[in-house]
Amino acid sequence: MTGKNIRKIVYVTAALLAVAAGIAAAVYLRKFHGKLSPIDLAGSLADLLGFCGLLGFVLMVALGTRFHWIERFLGLDRVYRIHKILGVAVLFTLICHALLRTLVFSMLHGGKWAWSFLFYFSTRDSALLIGHLALYTLLLVVPLAIFGRHRISYWLWKNSHYLVYPVVALGFVHAWLEQKNRFASPSNLALFIPAGGILIFLSVYRLMAAYRLKRRATWMVADVVRETNDTSTLVLERPQGPGPFEHRKAGQFAIIRVHDGRKWSQPHPFTISAPPHSDKLHFTIKAAGKFTSAIPDLKSGTKVLCEGPYGIFSMDFEKEDEIVMISGGVGITPFLSSIKHAVKVSAKSRFVLFCCNKTYDDIIAREELHSATNKIDLTIVHVLSKVRSGDLPKEESNIRFESGYLTGRIVSKYLSNPNASFYLCGPPPMQAGVFKALKESLGIPSWRVRRELFFY
């Protein structure tokens, strides 16, 4: 499932919910009022939108807790994307709720639009005061969460998310004060009690998960192995055993934080390049910033907080006859794990790996990959963008070379099964270009291309 498909699902769902809300309001008004009046219609729609907004934020909190059963279905990368899109949709819903309430107030007081209602912060109307506090806090938190990730300090960005919890609590209090005469009705209780109970459960779960994390997820640096001039493999070990990582799958990733002796670093996601049967965790990391550039200098015994495993970018050797892997640069890491696992279990699938790099020296784990071609049915095609065709290295039976960038023509040259499964991992621009080529040149449907889309 691609990021674009996720957005389409969310947008269609939001549109259907809006239509359902309108129908529900119409049915409600016809049943209890006999006819539709503009004021009653606007008021009922405002109530429905407000409640949908509260439910949306409960769902956002659920996505933010990183439940494994949710993550295993969608993948953490897609969970975060849905979380972000949902945040915008919920904020829009609650803004519409506030505007409709302003419209109702204006219609009841002469018909002229009353902007002052949107900025009423008097204790004379505690329900309205609490509602406005929640709304305007939300107007600060959501844009900050979406656009502030790389513009403000991580500490401020991360902790601003926790304001969602009091905002949702204020939303429930606002609803209770506004509808205190009707709040105890069976229909309202049937909606608000489960939603409130779920919110309390999620809040407690989040606190307990944070407490358990440092106790169960602390690993130690065992070694740092230089792979290329700008890539190293970080090796972690845990005396108590792999813990949650014991049952990981090839291709999954973890979120790690390094302790510098005073505090933990910001979290960073990296694919586990070691196979599932290894008790140690390997992360093959390219120096591309301050954090990653410091990896080669880490000393043995340095504490590393390792959270996971996450991701659904895993292969099924039993069901997939031909597997096509396309990597760009350090995007080889999930395939390293998968190939090592395939060798371990003597997988019968046919594998084709398109390994895209600038030069021959940029290929990560080159010798290990080449060795695997003698143990499983694996063909490796190195696509080198900075090497002319006349300067390509000598080919072997299952190790081939192409010059330039990966195209549909190159893929079709080595593809023997039109129903092969495709896996794609690499920088976003590279992924977009290859994904387009597969669809337009080879007619590969998007659902047959699994992509590792995680970003942080």
Protein backbone atom coordinates (compact mmCIF):
# COMPACT_ATOMS: atom_id res chain seq x y z
CA MET A 1 0.00 0.00 0.00
CA THR A 2 1.52 3.33 -1.06
CA GLY A 3 1.46 6.67 0.74
CA LYS A 4 -0.83 8.07 -1.97
CA ASN A 5 -3.31 5.22 -1.45
CA ILE A 6 -3.29 5.88 2.30
CA ARG A 7 -4.21 9.52 1.67
CA LYS A 8 -7.00 8.50 -0.70
CA ILE A 9 -8.45 6.13 1.91
CA VAL A 10 -8.34 8.83 4.59
CA TYR A 11 -9.91 11.47 2.33
CA VAL A 12 -12.69 9.16 1.14
CA THR A 13 -13.38 8.07 4.72
CA ALA A 14 -13.55 11.69 5.87
CA ALA A 15 -15.97 12.54 3.04
CA LEU A 16 -18.19 9.57 3.87
CA LEU A 17 -18.20 10.55 7.55
CA ALA A 18 -19.22 14.09 6.62
CA VAL A 19 -22.10 12.78 4.48
CA ALA A 20 -23.13 10.39 7.26
CA ALA A 21 -23.08 13.26 9.76
CA GLY A 22 -25.36 15.31 7.52
CA ILE A 23 -27.80 12.42 7.07
CA ALA A 24 -27.80 11.70 10.80
CA ALA A 25 -28.56 15.35 11.55
CA ALA A 26 -31.42 15.39 9.05
CA VAL A 27 -32.95 12.19 10.46
CA TYR A 28 -32.59 13.47 14.02
CA LEU A 29 -34.26 16.78 13.25
CA ARG A 30 -37.13 15.27 11.27
CA LYS A 31 -37.84 12.83 14.09
CA PHE A 32 -37.78 15.27 16.97
CA HIS A 33 -38.62 18.59 15.33
CA GLY A 34 -40.86 17.57 12.45
CA LYS A 35 -39.16 19.94 10.04
CA LEU A 36 -35.69 21.28 9.32
CA SER A 37 -34.90 24.77 10.53
CA PRO A 38 -31.55 26.40 9.65
CA ILE A 39 -30.67 26.98 13.32
CA ASP A 40 -31.47 23.41 14.37
CA LEU A 41 -29.59 22.00 11.39
CA ALA A 42 -26.47 24.10 12.10
CA GLY A 43 -26.60 23.25 15.81
CA SER A 44 -26.93 19.52 15.24
CA LEU A 45 -24.16 19.49 12.66
CA ALA A 46 -21.95 21.43 15.08
CA ASP A 47 -22.56 18.82 17.79
CA LEU A 48 -21.81 15.96 15.42
CA LEU A 49 -18.63 17.59 14.17
CA GLY A 50 -17.49 18.25 17.73
CA PHE A 51 -17.99 14.65 18.73
CA CYS A 52 -16.28 13.39 15.55
CA GLY A 53 -13.35 15.64 16.40
CA LEU A 54 -13.07 14.13 19.88
CA LEU A 55 -13.21 10.61 18.47
CA GLY A 56 -10.59 11.55 15.91
CA PHE A 57 -8.21 12.68 18.63
CA VAL A 58 -8.77 9.49 20.61
CA LEU A 59 -7.81 7.62 17.43
CA MET A 60 -4.73 9.82 17.02
CA VAL A 61 -3.62 9.01 20.56
CA ALA A 62 -4.12 5.30 19.79
CA LEU A 63 -1.91 5.58 16.70
CA GLY A 64 0.73 7.45 18.71
CA THR A 65 1.04 4.66 21.28
CA ARG A 66 2.67 2.37 18.67
CA PHE A 67 0.48 -0.63 19.39
CA HIS A 68 2.16 -3.63 17.79
CA TRP A 69 -1.08 -5.03 16.39
CA ILE A 70 -1.74 -1.75 14.55
CA GLU A 71 1.88 -1.40 13.44
CA ARG A 72 2.02 -5.00 12.15
CA PHE A 73 -1.02 -4.32 9.95
CA LEU A 74 0.00 -0.97 8.46
CA GLY A 75 3.69 -0.48 9.28
CA LEU A 76 4.96 2.31 11.50
CA ASP A 77 5.79 4.54 8.53
CA ARG A 78 2.17 4.45 7.34
CA VAL A 79 0.84 4.80 10.89
CA TYR A 80 2.75 8.08 11.19
CA ARG A 81 1.44 9.31 7.85
CA ILE A 82 -2.15 8.52 8.81
CA HIS A 83 -1.50 10.17 12.18
CA LYS A 84 -0.38 13.37 10.46
CA ILE A 85 -3.24 13.44 7.93
CA LEU A 86 -5.75 12.67 10.68
CA GLY A 87 -4.39 15.57 12.75
CA VAL A 88 -5.15 18.01 9.93
CA ALA A 89 -8.59 16.47 9.33
CA VAL A 90 -9.54 16.63 13.02
CA LEU A 91 -8.36 20.22 13.35
CA PHE A 92 -10.44 21.16 10.30
CA THR A 93 -13.45 19.34 11.78
CA LEU A 94 -13.20 21.22 15.07
CA ILE A 95 -12.73 24.56 13.29
CA CYS A 96 -15.95 23.82 11.38
CA HIS A 97 -17.59 22.96 14.72
CA ALA A 98 -16.56 26.36 16.12
CA LEU A 99 -17.71 28.22 12.98
CA LEU A 100 -21.11 26.50 13.01
CA ARG A 101 -21.55 27.37 16.69
CA THR A 102 -20.67 30.98 15.84
CA LEU A 103 -23.25 30.85 13.04
CA VAL A 104 -25.93 29.59 15.45
CA PHE A 105 -25.07 32.31 17.96
CA SER A 106 -25.21 34.96 15.21
CA MET A 107 -28.58 33.73 13.93
CA LEU A 108 -30.01 33.84 17.46
CA HIS A 109 -28.72 37.39 18.05
CA GLY A 110 -29.84 39.45 15.12
CA GLY A 111 -28.35 37.56 12.19
CA LYS A 112 -25.12 39.60 11.89
CA TRP A 113 -21.96 37.52 12.02
CA ALA A 114 -20.54 37.75 15.57
CA TRP A 115 -16.76 37.37 15.38
CA SER A 116 -16.57 38.13 19.09
CA PHE A 117 -18.08 34.71 19.83
CA LEU A 118 -14.92 33.01 18.48
CA PHE A 119 -12.74 35.01 20.87
CA TYR A 120 -14.85 34.83 24.02
CA PHE A 121 -12.66 34.02 27.04
CA SER A 122 -14.81 35.06 29.98
CA THR A 123 -15.45 32.87 33.04
CA ARG A 124 -19.13 33.84 32.77
CA ASP A 125 -19.52 31.04 30.25
CA SER A 126 -17.17 28.32 31.48
CA ALA A 127 -18.21 25.84 28.75
CA LEU A 128 -17.30 28.28 25.97
CA LEU A 129 -14.10 29.31 27.74
CA ILE A 130 -12.91 25.70 28.03
CA GLY A 131 -13.87 24.96 24.43
CA HIS A 132 -11.92 27.93 23.13
CA LEU A 133 -8.88 27.06 25.26
CA ALA A 134 -8.89 23.57 23.74
CA LEU A 135 -9.36 24.85 20.17
CA TYR A 136 -6.67 27.51 20.26
CA THR A 137 -4.19 25.18 21.95
CA LEU A 138 -4.89 22.79 19.11
CA LEU A 139 -4.29 25.53 16.54
CA LEU A 140 -0.82 25.85 18.04
CA VAL A 141 -0.02 22.15 18.51
CA VAL A 142 -1.03 20.69 15.12
CA PRO A 143 0.94 23.10 12.86
CA LEU A 144 3.90 22.84 15.26
CA ALA A 145 3.80 19.03 15.08
CA ILE A 146 3.59 19.00 11.27
CA PHE A 147 5.98 21.79 10.29
CA GLY A 148 8.24 22.15 13.32
CA ARG A 149 10.11 18.82 13.22
CA HIS A 150 13.28 20.27 11.68
CA ARG A 151 12.74 23.94 12.51
CA ILE A 152 12.72 23.90 16.31
CA SER A 153 14.52 21.91 18.97
CA TYR A 154 13.54 18.24 19.17
CA TRP A 155 12.73 18.61 22.89
CA LEU A 156 10.16 21.35 22.19
CA TRP A 157 8.72 19.56 19.17
CA LYS A 158 8.34 16.22 20.98
CA ASN A 159 6.89 17.61 24.20
CA SER A 160 4.40 19.80 22.38
CA HIS A 161 2.64 16.56 21.34
CA TYR A 162 1.73 15.85 24.96
CA LEU A 163 -0.55 18.92 24.96
CA VAL A 164 -3.00 16.77 22.97
CA TYR A 165 -3.91 14.86 26.15
CA PRO A 166 -5.17 17.91 28.13
CA VAL A 167 -6.79 19.25 24.94
CA VAL A 168 -8.90 16.10 24.55
CA ALA A 169 -9.74 16.18 28.28
CA LEU A 170 -10.86 19.81 27.92
CA GLY A 171 -12.93 18.75 24.92
CA PHE A 172 -14.82 16.20 27.01
CA VAL A 173 -15.39 18.76 29.78
CA HIS A 174 -16.62 21.28 27.20
CA ALA A 175 -19.08 18.74 25.77
CA TRP A 176 -20.35 17.86 29.24
CA LEU A 177 -20.90 21.50 30.23
CA GLU A 178 -22.58 22.35 26.94
CA GLN A 179 -24.92 19.37 27.13
CA LYS A 180 -25.20 18.79 30.85
CA ASN A 181 -28.98 18.56 30.61
CA ARG A 182 -28.71 15.87 27.93
CA PHE A 183 -25.31 14.40 28.72
CA ALA A 184 -26.69 11.61 30.89
CA SER A 185 -29.03 10.40 28.15
CA PRO A 186 -28.42 6.78 27.08
CA SER A 187 -27.31 7.82 23.57
CA ASN A 188 -24.73 10.30 24.87
CA LEU A 189 -23.41 7.95 27.53
CA ALA A 190 -23.09 5.17 24.96
CA LEU A 191 -20.75 7.44 22.99
CA PHE A 192 -18.82 9.38 25.60
CA ILE A 193 -18.14 6.67 28.21
CA PRO A 194 -16.35 4.27 25.80
CA ALA A 195 -14.41 7.15 24.22
CA GLY A 196 -13.36 8.51 27.61
CA GLY A 197 -12.46 5.04 28.88
CA ILE A 198 -10.30 4.37 25.82
CA LEU A 199 -8.52 7.71 26.29
CA ILE A 200 -7.74 6.92 29.94
CA PHE A 201 -6.48 3.45 29.00
CA LEU A 202 -4.26 4.87 26.25
CA SER A 203 -2.80 7.50 28.58
CA VAL A 204 -1.93 4.90 31.22
CA TYR A 205 -0.53 2.54 28.58
CA ARG A 206 1.72 5.30 27.21
CA LEU A 207 3.12 6.05 30.67
CA MET A 208 3.76 2.36 31.39
CA ALA A 209 5.40 1.86 27.98
CA ALA A 210 7.77 4.77 28.64
CA TYR A 211 8.68 3.24 32.03
CA ARG A 212 9.29 -0.24 30.56
CA LEU A 213 11.30 1.04 27.62
CA LYS A 214 14.53 1.89 29.46
CA ARG A 215 14.34 -1.32 31.48
CA ARG A 216 13.82 -3.67 28.53
CA ALA A 217 15.45 -1.86 25.60
CA THR A 218 18.95 -0.91 26.82
CA TRP A 219 21.68 -2.43 24.65
CA MET A 220 25.46 -1.94 24.57
CA VAL A 221 27.79 -1.15 21.68
CA ALA A 222 29.83 -4.29 20.93
CA ASP A 223 31.66 -3.06 17.84
CA VAL A 224 31.61 -0.60 14.93
CA VAL A 225 32.71 -2.06 11.58
CA ARG A 226 33.74 0.17 8.68
CA GLU A 227 31.94 -0.86 5.46
CA THR A 228 32.80 1.92 2.97
CA ASN A 229 34.37 5.37 3.23
CA ASP A 230 31.10 6.83 4.59
CA THR A 231 29.22 3.77 5.90
CA SER A 232 29.68 1.75 9.10
CA THR A 233 27.87 -1.12 10.79
CA LEU A 234 26.93 -0.58 14.43
CA VAL A 235 26.87 -3.88 16.36
CA LEU A 236 24.79 -4.01 19.56
CA GLU A 237 24.55 -6.73 22.20
CA ARG A 238 22.39 -7.27 25.26
CA PRO A 239 23.58 -9.54 28.12
CA GLN A 240 19.98 -10.44 29.03
CA GLY A 241 19.28 -11.67 25.50
CA PRO A 242 17.51 -10.08 22.51
CA GLY A 243 14.21 -9.62 24.37
CA PRO A 244 11.48 -8.34 22.02
CA PHE A 245 13.89 -8.69 19.08
CA GLU A 246 14.06 -12.47 19.47
CA HIS A 247 11.06 -12.93 17.18
CA ARG A 248 11.86 -10.18 14.66
CA LYS A 249 11.54 -10.65 10.91
CA ALA A 250 14.11 -9.90 8.23
CA GLY A 251 13.65 -6.36 6.92
CA GLN A 252 12.34 -4.81 10.14
CA PHE A 253 13.85 -1.74 11.77
CA ALA A 254 14.38 -0.24 15.21
CA ILE A 255 14.43 3.25 16.68
CA ILE A 256 17.64 3.91 18.58
CA ARG A 257 18.91 6.57 21.00
CA VAL A 258 22.54 6.80 22.12
CA HIS A 259 23.54 7.84 25.66
CA ASP A 260 26.41 10.33 25.73
CA GLY A 261 27.04 9.98 29.47
CA ARG A 262 24.57 12.72 30.38
CA LYS A 263 21.41 12.24 28.35
CA TRP A 264 19.82 10.23 25.54
CA SER A 265 20.06 11.49 21.97
CA GLN A 266 17.11 12.12 19.70
CA PRO A 267 15.55 8.91 18.30
CA HIS A 268 16.65 7.74 14.84
CA PRO A 269 15.22 4.81 12.83
CA PHE A 270 17.56 2.27 11.21
CA THR A 271 16.93 -1.04 9.50
CA ILE A 272 18.36 -4.11 11.20
CA SER A 273 20.88 -5.55 8.74
CA ALA A 274 21.56 -8.70 10.81
CA PRO A 275 19.35 -11.75 10.10
CA PRO A 276 16.62 -12.77 12.60
CA HIS A 277 18.65 -15.69 13.98
CA SER A 278 21.42 -13.38 15.24
CA ASP A 279 21.46 -12.52 18.96
CA LYS A 280 23.24 -9.27 18.13
CA LEU A 281 21.69 -6.34 16.27
CA HIS A 282 23.51 -4.84 13.29
CA PHE A 283 22.68 -1.40 11.86
CA THR A 284 24.46 -0.41 8.65
CA ILE A 285 24.48 3.39 8.76
CA LYS A 286 25.64 5.96 6.22
CA ALA A 287 27.14 9.20 7.53
CA ALA A 288 24.62 11.83 6.44
CA GLY A 289 24.33 14.15 9.44
CA LYS A 290 25.64 14.94 12.89
CA PHE A 291 24.22 11.81 14.54
CA THR A 292 25.16 9.32 11.82
CA SER A 293 28.63 10.83 11.37
CA ALA A 294 29.38 10.15 15.05
CA ILE A 295 28.56 6.42 14.79
CA PRO A 296 32.16 5.31 13.89
CA ASP A 297 33.46 7.01 17.05
CA LEU A 298 31.17 5.17 19.49
CA LYS A 299 33.08 3.20 22.12
CA SER A 300 32.38 -0.35 23.21
CA GLY A 301 30.02 -0.40 26.18
CA THR A 302 28.15 2.78 25.17
CA LYS A 303 24.49 2.47 26.14
CA VAL A 304 21.96 2.45 23.30
CA LEU A 305 18.21 2.53 23.77
CA CYS A 306 16.78 0.26 21.07
CA GLU A 307 13.01 0.25 20.52
CA GLY A 308 11.30 -2.20 18.20
CA PRO A 309 11.18 -4.22 16.10
CA TYR A 310 8.96 -2.27 13.71
CA GLY A 311 7.97 -2.54 10.07
CA ILE A 312 6.19 -4.90 7.67
CA PHE A 313 8.83 -4.79 4.92
CA SER A 314 9.36 -8.55 5.13
CA MET A 315 9.33 -11.32 2.53
CA ASP A 316 7.50 -14.63 2.53
CA PHE A 317 9.84 -17.18 0.96
CA GLU A 318 7.14 -19.85 1.10
CA LYS A 319 4.62 -17.94 -1.04
CA GLU A 320 6.78 -15.80 -3.36
CA ASP A 321 8.39 -17.68 -6.26
CA GLU A 322 10.40 -14.73 -7.56
CA ILE A 323 11.41 -11.74 -5.47
CA VAL A 324 12.81 -8.57 -7.01
CA MET A 325 14.67 -6.30 -4.60
CA ILE A 326 15.59 -2.74 -5.63
CA SER A 327 17.91 -0.79 -3.36
CA GLY A 328 19.48 2.64 -3.50
CA GLY A 329 22.64 3.24 -1.46
CA VAL A 330 22.10 2.42 2.20
CA GLY A 331 18.63 1.15 1.24
CA ILE A 332 20.37 -2.22 0.86
CA THR A 333 20.10 -2.83 4.63
CA PRO A 334 16.69 -4.59 4.77
CA PHE A 335 17.76 -6.76 1.84
CA LEU A 336 21.01 -7.64 3.59
CA SER A 337 18.98 -9.08 6.44
CA SER A 338 16.59 -10.86 4.06
CA ILE A 339 19.36 -12.41 1.97
CA LYS A 340 21.22 -13.64 5.06
CA HIS A 341 17.97 -15.16 6.32
CA ALA A 342 17.29 -16.76 2.93
CA VAL A 343 20.75 -18.38 3.03
CA LYS A 344 20.13 -19.61 6.59
CA VAL A 345 16.80 -21.30 5.71
CA SER A 346 17.90 -22.39 2.20
CA ALA A 347 15.03 -20.50 0.57
CA LYS A 348 13.84 -21.91 -2.76
CA SER A 349 12.64 -18.59 -4.20
CA ARG A 350 14.46 -16.91 -7.07
CA PHE A 351 15.94 -13.55 -6.03
CA VAL A 352 17.00 -10.63 -8.21
CA LEU A 353 18.72 -7.72 -6.45
CA PHE A 354 19.17 -4.40 -8.25
CA CYS A 355 21.81 -2.61 -6.21
CA CYS A 356 22.00 1.07 -7.24
CA ASN A 357 25.09 3.09 -6.28
CA LYS A 358 27.37 5.76 -7.70
CA THR A 359 30.56 3.69 -7.96
CA TYR A 360 31.78 0.13 -7.32
CA ASP A 361 33.45 1.22 -4.07
CA ASP A 362 30.13 2.55 -2.73
CA ILE A 363 28.54 -0.91 -2.66
CA ILE A 364 27.82 -1.89 0.94
CA ALA A 365 28.63 -5.47 2.05
CA ARG A 366 29.75 -6.24 -1.51
CA GLU A 367 31.70 -9.42 -0.79
CA GLU A 368 28.99 -10.80 1.48
CA LEU A 369 26.36 -10.22 -1.20
CA HIS A 370 28.48 -11.81 -3.90
CA SER A 371 29.13 -14.84 -1.70
CA ALA A 372 25.37 -15.36 -1.27
CA THR A 373 24.95 -15.92 -5.04
CA ASN A 374 26.68 -19.29 -4.57
CA LYS A 375 24.28 -20.42 -1.84
CA ILE A 376 20.81 -19.42 -3.08
CA ASP A 377 19.23 -18.61 -6.46
CA LEU A 378 20.31 -14.97 -6.37
CA THR A 379 21.23 -12.68 -9.26
CA ILE A 380 22.77 -9.32 -8.34
CA VAL A 381 22.64 -6.45 -10.81
CA HIS A 382 24.84 -3.51 -9.81
CA VAL A 383 23.60 -0.28 -11.41
CA LEU A 384 26.39 2.31 -11.20
CA SER A 385 25.44 5.88 -12.08
CA LYS A 386 28.96 7.39 -12.12
CA VAL A 387 30.67 4.63 -14.12
CA ARG A 388 30.73 4.57 -17.93
CA SER A 389 29.71 1.36 -19.66
CA GLY A 390 33.27 0.74 -20.88
CA ASP A 391 34.65 0.94 -17.33
CA LEU A 392 32.29 -1.52 -15.67
CA PRO A 393 33.88 -4.38 -13.66
CA LYS A 394 34.04 -7.90 -15.07
CA GLU A 395 30.78 -9.82 -14.79
CA GLU A 396 30.21 -13.29 -13.37
CA SER A 397 27.33 -15.69 -13.94
CA ASN A 398 25.09 -14.22 -11.22
CA ILE A 399 26.80 -10.84 -10.77
CA ARG A 400 25.98 -8.34 -13.51
CA PHE A 401 26.64 -4.64 -14.08
CA GLU A 402 24.74 -1.80 -15.73
CA SER A 403 25.78 1.81 -16.26
CA GLY A 404 23.61 4.85 -15.51
CA TYR A 405 20.32 4.81 -13.62
CA LEU A 406 17.83 1.99 -13.15
CA THR A 407 15.14 1.96 -15.84
CA GLY A 408 12.25 -0.27 -16.78
CA ARG A 409 14.35 -1.66 -19.64
CA ILE A 410 17.07 -2.81 -17.24
CA VAL A 411 14.54 -4.42 -14.89
CA SER A 412 12.79 -6.28 -17.73
CA LYS A 413 16.17 -7.60 -18.94
CA TYR A 414 16.59 -9.67 -15.77
CA LEU A 415 12.95 -10.36 -14.92
CA SER A 416 11.80 -13.90 -15.74
CA ASN A 417 8.46 -14.03 -13.91
CA PRO A 418 5.84 -11.36 -14.77
CA ASN A 419 4.12 -12.10 -11.44
CA ALA A 420 7.22 -11.47 -9.33
CA SER A 421 6.99 -9.62 -6.01
CA PHE A 422 8.78 -6.25 -5.90
CA TYR A 423 10.45 -4.63 -2.89
CA LEU A 424 11.83 -1.10 -3.09
CA CYS A 425 14.00 0.75 -0.56
CA GLY A 426 16.12 3.85 -1.04
CA PRO A 427 16.07 7.67 -1.02
CA PRO A 428 12.61 9.16 -1.73
CA PRO A 429 13.53 10.65 -5.16
CA MET A 430 15.01 7.33 -6.27
CA GLN A 431 11.94 5.45 -5.04
CA ALA A 432 9.60 7.80 -6.88
CA GLY A 433 11.49 7.42 -10.17
CA VAL A 434 11.74 3.62 -9.99
CA PHE A 435 8.12 3.27 -8.85
CA LYS A 436 6.98 5.31 -11.85
CA ALA A 437 9.16 3.29 -14.23
CA LEU A 438 7.78 -0.02 -12.95
CA LYS A 439 4.21 1.13 -13.48
CA GLU A 440 4.61 2.90 -16.82
CA SER A 441 7.27 0.77 -18.55
CA LEU A 442 6.43 -2.69 -17.21
CA GLY A 443 2.78 -2.27 -16.19
CA ILE A 444 3.48 -3.45 -12.64
CA PRO A 445 0.43 -2.59 -10.48
CA SER A 446 1.22 -0.48 -7.42
CA TRP A 447 -0.07 -3.13 -5.00
CA ARG A 448 2.72 -5.49 -6.11
CA VAL A 449 5.46 -3.04 -5.12
CA ARG A 450 6.25 -3.01 -1.40
CA ARG A 451 8.05 0.16 -0.33
CA GLU A 452 9.90 1.06 2.86
CA LEU A 453 8.60 4.60 3.36
CA PHE A 454 9.78 5.35 6.86
CA PHE A 455 11.10 8.80 7.66
CA TYR A 456 11.65 10.65 10.91
